[in-house]
C-alpha atoms as a PDB file:
ATOM      1  CA  MET A   1     244.912 102.198  63.325  1.00  0.00           C
ATOM      2  CA  VAL A   2     243.203  99.756  61.021  1.00  0.00           C
ATOM      3  CA  GLU A   3     239.680  98.340  60.999  1.00  0.00           C
ATOM      4  CA  PHE A   4     238.632  94.950  59.672  1.00  0.00           C
ATOM      5  CA  SER A   5     235.361  94.498  57.771  1.00  0.00           C
ATOM      6  CA  SER A   6     233.939  92.896  60.950  1.00  0.00           C
ATOM      7  CA  GLY A   7     234.507  96.158  62.856  1.00  0.00           C
ATOM      8  CA  VAL A   8     237.427  94.828  64.914  1.00  0.00           C
ATOM      9  CA  LYS A   9     240.203  97.402  65.244  1.00  0.00           C
ATOM     10  CA  GLY A  10     243.946  96.990  65.507  1.00  0.00           C
ATOM     11  CA  ILE A  11     247.270  98.659  64.878  1.00  0.00           C
ATOM     12  CA  ALA A  12     249.861  97.724  62.264  1.00  0.00           C
ATOM     13  CA  LEU A  13     253.269  97.215  63.846  1.00  0.00           C
ATOM     14  CA  ASN A  14     255.336  95.829  61.004  1.00  0.00           C
ATOM     15  CA  LEU A  15     254.955  96.339  57.276  1.00  0.00           C
ATOM     16  CA  GLU A  16     256.665  93.909  54.916  1.00  0.00           C
ATOM     17  CA  ASN A  17     256.415  93.399  51.147  1.00  0.00           C
ATOM     18  CA  GLU A  18     254.140  90.366  51.460  1.00  0.00           C
ATOM     19  CA  ASN A  19     252.799  90.648  55.034  1.00  0.00           C
ATOM     20  CA  VAL A  20     251.552  93.123  57.599  1.00  0.00           C
ATOM     21  CA  GLY A  21     251.703  92.392  61.322  1.00  0.00           C
ATOM     22  CA  ILE A  22     248.686  93.723  63.217  1.00  0.00           C
ATOM     23  CA  VAL A  23     247.938  93.726  66.938  1.00  0.00           C
ATOM     24  CA  VAL A  24     244.185  93.143  67.237  1.00  0.00           C
ATOM     25  CA  PHE A  25     242.257  95.103  69.883  1.00  0.00           C
ATOM     26  CA  GLY A  26     239.546  92.600  70.715  1.00  0.00           C
ATOM     27  CA  SER A  27     238.489  89.144  69.673  1.00  0.00           C
ATOM     28  CA  ASP A  28     239.943  87.763  66.460  1.00  0.00           C
ATOM     29  CA  ILE A  29     237.126  85.223  65.978  1.00  0.00           C
ATOM     30  CA  ALA A  30     235.400  87.314  63.287  1.00  0.00           C
ATOM     31  CA  ILE A  31     238.624  87.917  61.316  1.00  0.00           C
ATOM     32  CA  LYS A  32     239.100  85.677  58.293  1.00  0.00           C
ATOM     33  CA  GLU A  33     241.866  85.306  55.719  1.00  0.00           C
ATOM     34  CA  GLU A  34     241.486  87.810  52.857  1.00  0.00           C
ATOM     35  CA  ASP A  35     239.104  90.069  54.865  1.00  0.00           C
ATOM     36  CA  LEU A  36     239.085  93.706  53.828  1.00  0.00           C
ATOM     37  CA  VAL A  37     241.139  95.903  56.160  1.00  0.00           C
ATOM     38  CA  LYS A  38     241.178  99.687  55.932  1.00  0.00           C
ATOM     39  CA  HIS A  39     243.276 102.426  57.467  1.00  0.00           C
ATOM     40  CA  THR A  40     241.134 104.520  59.812  1.00  0.00           C
ATOM     41  CA  GLY A  41     243.173 107.692  59.412  1.00  0.00           C
ATOM     42  CA  SER A  42     243.547 108.013  63.169  1.00  0.00           C
ATOM     43  CA  ILE A  43     246.009 107.008  65.835  1.00  0.00           C
ATOM     44  CA  VAL A  44     245.163 105.076  68.969  1.00  0.00           C
ATOM     45  CA  ASP A  45     243.459 107.342  71.463  1.00  0.00           C
ATOM     46  CA  VAL A  46     241.368 106.782  74.553  1.00  0.00           C
ATOM     47  CA  PRO A  47     239.344 109.184  76.668  1.00  0.00           C
ATOM     48  CA  ALA A  48     240.922 110.688  79.766  1.00  0.00           C
ATOM     49  CA  GLY A  49     239.542 112.669  82.668  1.00  0.00           C
ATOM     50  CA  LYS A  50     237.645 112.316  85.936  1.00  0.00           C
ATOM     51  CA  ALA A  51     234.996 110.090  84.321  1.00  0.00           C
ATOM     52  CA  MET A  52     237.701 107.412  83.948  1.00  0.00           C
ATOM     53  CA  LEU A  53     238.457 107.227  87.683  1.00  0.00           C
ATOM     54  CA  GLY A  54     237.465 103.843  89.093  1.00  0.00           C
ATOM     55  CA  ARG A  55     236.331 102.505  85.708  1.00  0.00           C
ATOM     56  CA  VAL A  56     237.537  99.409  83.852  1.00  0.00           C
ATOM     57  CA  VAL A  57     237.943  99.890  80.104  1.00  0.00           C
ATOM     58  CA  ASP A  58     239.376  97.877  77.219  1.00  0.00           C
ATOM     59  CA  VAL A  59     242.360  98.990  75.124  1.00  0.00           C
ATOM     60  CA  LEU A  60     240.149 101.371  73.133  1.00  0.00           C
ATOM     61  CA  GLY A  61     238.640 103.033  76.200  1.00  0.00           C
ATOM     62  CA  VAL A  62     235.303 101.204  75.949  1.00  0.00           C
ATOM     63  CA  PRO A  63     233.853 100.466  79.419  1.00  0.00           C
ATOM     64  CA  ILE A  64     233.794  96.756  80.288  1.00  0.00           C
ATOM     65  CA  ASP A  65     232.834  97.055  83.952  1.00  0.00           C
ATOM     66  CA  GLY A  66     229.054  96.898  83.454  1.00  0.00           C
ATOM     67  CA  ARG A  67     228.535 100.456  84.716  1.00  0.00           C
ATOM     68  CA  GLY A  68     227.358 101.930  81.426  1.00  0.00           C
ATOM     69  CA  ALA A  69     228.866 104.500  79.097  1.00  0.00           C
ATOM     70  CA  LEU A  70     231.439 107.027  80.227  1.00  0.00           C
ATOM     71  CA  GLN A  71     230.001 110.428  81.104  1.00  0.00           C
ATOM     72  CA  ARG A  72     231.653 113.337  79.325  1.00  0.00           C
END
């Protein structure tokens, strides 16, 4: 995974000499040309378990259903 200076995360899918293709997990509004992007050192992972049943989460496992944080 990678993280832009704005905090938006994504994953690099293609690496070329002059370009890198990144799928952005979230809004790209805050991303600007020449922004700093760093490797997070982790792979994509999301929580799993009974607390996820019936919940709506985004691609990073963050609840977006208005029911608060996931209980661990």
